[in-house]
Amino acid sequence: MDATDYPSLARLAFFNAQLALHNRQVESVVDAQLDEVERLFRAAAQRDWDAVLRLSEQLAGQPAPKDRADKAVVRSARKVFAALKRDPSGVKATVKLGELLMACRESQRRRGADHNS
């Protein structure tokens, strides 16, 4: 059998370690994103629309993640930010906050499903 087309066990171990490192990096980015979302919802509950505006701007400015559910979180944050820029009273932003909440729940559900597989 010609082994030149197959990586060695040492090479496979290297790839496995590299994959684990990248996985931890992605998880830390997503965890930080969800921490910001949590702060955003606490500010919304207190009707601190300036803080919601600032936090939604931070979330909206993130590069679009590769995962479809996480993209929805960033896209929804952009909608919250745009709604607050148009109407700082927060009246229109509350609808967009509902969309953001649904996107966050879907993202968490997908992450949970990915960890269980």
C-alpha atoms as a PDB file:
ATOM      1  CA  MET A   1       0.000   0.000   0.000  1.00  0.00           C
ATOM      2  CA  ASP A   2       1.307   3.440  -0.926  1.00  0.00           C
ATOM      3  CA  ALA A   3       1.219   5.623   2.233  1.00  0.00           C
ATOM      4  CA  THR A   4       2.229   8.852   0.512  1.00  0.00           C
ATOM      5  CA  ASP A   5      -1.417   9.854   0.029  1.00  0.00           C
ATOM      6  CA  TYR A   6      -2.229   9.328   3.708  1.00  0.00           C
ATOM      7  CA  PRO A   7      -1.056  11.603   6.510  1.00  0.00           C
ATOM      8  CA  SER A   8       0.971  10.135   9.337  1.00  0.00           C
ATOM      9  CA  LEU A   9      -0.444   9.773  12.823  1.00  0.00           C
ATOM     10  CA  ALA A  10       1.757  12.665  13.953  1.00  0.00           C
ATOM     11  CA  ARG A  11       0.320  14.829  11.189  1.00  0.00           C
ATOM     12  CA  LEU A  12      -3.226  13.825  12.140  1.00  0.00           C
ATOM     13  CA  ALA A  13      -2.491  14.716  15.778  1.00  0.00           C
ATOM     14  CA  PHE A  14      -1.240  18.126  14.636  1.00  0.00           C
ATOM     15  CA  PHE A  15      -4.409  18.729  12.596  1.00  0.00           C
ATOM     16  CA  ASN A  16      -6.546  17.614  15.539  1.00  0.00           C
ATOM     17  CA  ALA A  17      -4.766  20.046  17.882  1.00  0.00           C
ATOM     18  CA  GLN A  18      -5.130  22.836  15.330  1.00  0.00           C
ATOM     19  CA  LEU A  19      -8.854  22.118  14.957  1.00  0.00           C
ATOM     20  CA  ALA A  20      -9.316  22.120  18.746  1.00  0.00           C
ATOM     21  CA  LEU A  21      -7.560  25.495  18.997  1.00  0.00           C
ATOM     22  CA  HIS A  22      -9.734  27.016  16.269  1.00  0.00           C
ATOM     23  CA  ASN A  23     -12.843  25.602  17.925  1.00  0.00           C
ATOM     24  CA  ARG A  24     -11.914  27.250  21.255  1.00  0.00           C
ATOM     25  CA  GLN A  25     -11.270  30.558  19.476  1.00  0.00           C
ATOM     26  CA  VAL A  26     -14.680  30.461  17.781  1.00  0.00           C
ATOM     27  CA  GLU A  27     -16.380  29.554  21.061  1.00  0.00           C
ATOM     28  CA  SER A  28     -14.724  32.479  22.845  1.00  0.00           C
ATOM     29  CA  VAL A  29     -15.898  34.915  20.148  1.00  0.00           C
ATOM     30  CA  VAL A  30     -19.454  33.586  20.320  1.00  0.00           C
ATOM     31  CA  ASP A  31     -19.419  33.637  24.141  1.00  0.00           C
ATOM     32  CA  ALA A  32     -18.257  37.268  24.091  1.00  0.00           C
ATOM     33  CA  GLN A  33     -21.023  38.067  21.607  1.00  0.00           C
ATOM     34  CA  LEU A  34     -23.629  36.457  23.852  1.00  0.00           C
ATOM     35  CA  ASP A  35     -22.258  38.358  26.872  1.00  0.00           C
ATOM     36  CA  GLU A  36     -22.818  41.597  24.951  1.00  0.00           C
ATOM     37  CA  VAL A  37     -26.335  40.494  24.052  1.00  0.00           C
ATOM     38  CA  GLU A  38     -27.046  39.773  27.711  1.00  0.00           C
ATOM     39  CA  ARG A  39     -25.848  43.265  28.692  1.00  0.00           C
ATOM     40  CA  LEU A  40     -27.987  44.694  25.884  1.00  0.00           C
ATOM     41  CA  PHE A  41     -31.136  42.987  27.193  1.00  0.00           C
ATOM     42  CA  ARG A  42     -30.421  44.113  30.763  1.00  0.00           C
ATOM     43  CA  ALA A  43     -30.110  47.697  29.485  1.00  0.00           C
ATOM     44  CA  ALA A  44     -33.360  47.310  27.517  1.00  0.00           C
ATOM     45  CA  ALA A  45     -35.155  46.013  30.621  1.00  0.00           C
ATOM     46  CA  GLN A  46     -34.022  49.178  32.418  1.00  0.00           C
ATOM     47  CA  ARG A  47     -35.047  51.255  29.400  1.00  0.00           C
ATOM     48  CA  ASP A  48     -31.491  52.587  29.129  1.00  0.00           C
ATOM     49  CA  TRP A  49     -31.755  53.242  25.400  1.00  0.00           C
ATOM     50  CA  ASP A  50     -28.359  54.947  25.214  1.00  0.00           C
ATOM     51  CA  ALA A  51     -26.713  51.753  26.482  1.00  0.00           C
ATOM     52  CA  VAL A  52     -28.834  49.632  24.115  1.00  0.00           C
ATOM     53  CA  LEU A  53     -27.757  51.862  21.238  1.00  0.00           C
ATOM     54  CA  ARG A  54     -24.079  51.548  22.174  1.00  0.00           C
ATOM     55  CA  LEU A  55     -24.237  47.770  22.703  1.00  0.00           C
ATOM     56  CA  SER A  56     -26.227  47.128  19.539  1.00  0.00           C
ATOM     57  CA  GLU A  57     -23.703  49.218  17.607  1.00  0.00           C
ATOM     58  CA  GLN A  58     -20.878  47.058  18.992  1.00  0.00           C
ATOM     59  CA  LEU A  59     -22.684  43.862  18.017  1.00  0.00           C
ATOM     60  CA  ALA A  60     -23.638  45.243  14.614  1.00  0.00           C
ATOM     61  CA  GLY A  61     -20.040  46.178  13.902  1.00  0.00           C
ATOM     62  CA  GLN A  62     -18.783  42.629  14.290  1.00  0.00           C
ATOM     63  CA  PRO A  63     -17.794  40.775  11.171  1.00  0.00           C
ATOM     64  CA  ALA A  64     -20.541  38.441  10.013  1.00  0.00           C
ATOM     65  CA  PRO A  65     -20.013  34.995  11.531  1.00  0.00           C
ATOM     66  CA  LYS A  66     -20.034  31.925   9.305  1.00  0.00           C
ATOM     67  CA  ASP A  67     -22.844  30.180  11.180  1.00  0.00           C
ATOM     68  CA  ARG A  68     -26.306  31.086   9.894  1.00  0.00           C
ATOM     69  CA  ALA A  69     -27.784  31.437  13.400  1.00  0.00           C
ATOM     70  CA  ASP A  70     -24.960  33.711  14.557  1.00  0.00           C
ATOM     71  CA  LYS A  71     -25.343  35.799  11.403  1.00  0.00           C
ATOM     72  CA  ALA A  72     -28.964  36.336  12.405  1.00  0.00           C
ATOM     73  CA  VAL A  73     -27.816  37.688  15.794  1.00  0.00           C
ATOM     74  CA  VAL A  74     -25.556  40.266  14.144  1.00  0.00           C
ATOM     75  CA  ARG A  75     -28.212  41.140  11.539  1.00  0.00           C
ATOM     76  CA  SER A  76     -30.834  41.622  14.286  1.00  0.00           C
ATOM     77  CA  ALA A  77     -28.437  43.779  16.310  1.00  0.00           C
ATOM     78  CA  ARG A  78     -28.016  45.964  13.232  1.00  0.00           C
ATOM     79  CA  LYS A  79     -31.800  46.357  13.050  1.00  0.00           C
ATOM     80  CA  VAL A  80     -31.973  47.334  16.742  1.00  0.00           C
ATOM     81  CA  PHE A  81     -29.223  49.880  16.197  1.00  0.00           C
ATOM     82  CA  ALA A  82     -30.928  51.332  13.100  1.00  0.00           C
ATOM     83  CA  ALA A  83     -34.293  51.543  14.899  1.00  0.00           C
ATOM     84  CA  LEU A  84     -32.733  53.412  17.833  1.00  0.00           C
ATOM     85  CA  LYS A  85     -30.894  55.783  15.526  1.00  0.00           C
ATOM     86  CA  ARG A  86     -34.228  56.667  13.877  1.00  0.00           C
ATOM     87  CA  ASP A  87     -36.222  56.789  17.125  1.00  0.00           C
ATOM     88  CA  PRO A  88     -34.145  57.179  20.328  1.00  0.00           C
ATOM     89  CA  SER A  89     -37.266  56.720  22.489  1.00  0.00           C
ATOM     90  CA  GLY A  90     -36.967  52.943  22.033  1.00  0.00           C
ATOM     91  CA  VAL A  91     -40.558  52.457  20.911  1.00  0.00           C
ATOM     92  CA  LYS A  92     -39.647  50.979  17.518  1.00  0.00           C
ATOM     93  CA  ALA A  93     -36.572  49.204  18.840  1.00  0.00           C
ATOM     94  CA  THR A  94     -38.639  46.945  21.098  1.00  0.00           C
ATOM     95  CA  VAL A  95     -39.957  45.033  18.078  1.00  0.00           C
ATOM     96  CA  LYS A  96     -36.400  44.592  16.812  1.00  0.00           C
ATOM     97  CA  LEU A  97     -35.322  43.480  20.290  1.00  0.00           C
ATOM     98  CA  GLY A  98     -37.844  40.652  20.000  1.00  0.00           C
ATOM     99  CA  GLU A  99     -36.217  39.575  16.733  1.00  0.00           C
ATOM    100  CA  LEU A 100     -32.802  39.732  18.392  1.00  0.00           C
ATOM    101  CA  LEU A 101     -34.036  37.578  21.261  1.00  0.00           C
ATOM    102  CA  MET A 102     -35.371  34.961  18.828  1.00  0.00           C
ATOM    103  CA  ALA A 103     -32.060  34.994  16.920  1.00  0.00           C
ATOM    104  CA  CYS A 104     -30.133  34.512  20.179  1.00  0.00           C
ATOM    105  CA  ARG A 105     -32.329  31.603  21.205  1.00  0.00           C
ATOM    106  CA  GLU A 106     -31.808  29.943  17.820  1.00  0.00           C
ATOM    107  CA  SER A 107     -28.049  30.475  18.078  1.00  0.00           C
ATOM    108  CA  GLN A 108     -27.945  28.914  21.541  1.00  0.00           C
ATOM    109  CA  ARG A 109     -30.152  26.029  20.403  1.00  0.00           C
ATOM    110  CA  ARG A 110     -27.832  25.323  17.476  1.00  0.00           C
ATOM    111  CA  ARG A 111     -24.739  25.536  19.668  1.00  0.00           C
ATOM    112  CA  GLY A 112     -26.317  23.105  22.112  1.00  0.00           C
ATOM    113  CA  ALA A 113     -27.174  20.723  19.298  1.00  0.00           C
ATOM    114  CA  ASP A 114     -23.627  20.973  17.915  1.00  0.00           C
ATOM    115  CA  HIS A 115     -22.124  20.155  21.328  1.00  0.00           C
ATOM    116  CA  ASN A 116     -24.412  17.149  21.740  1.00  0.00           C
ATOM    117  CA  SER A 117     -23.475  15.644  18.370  1.00  0.00           C
END
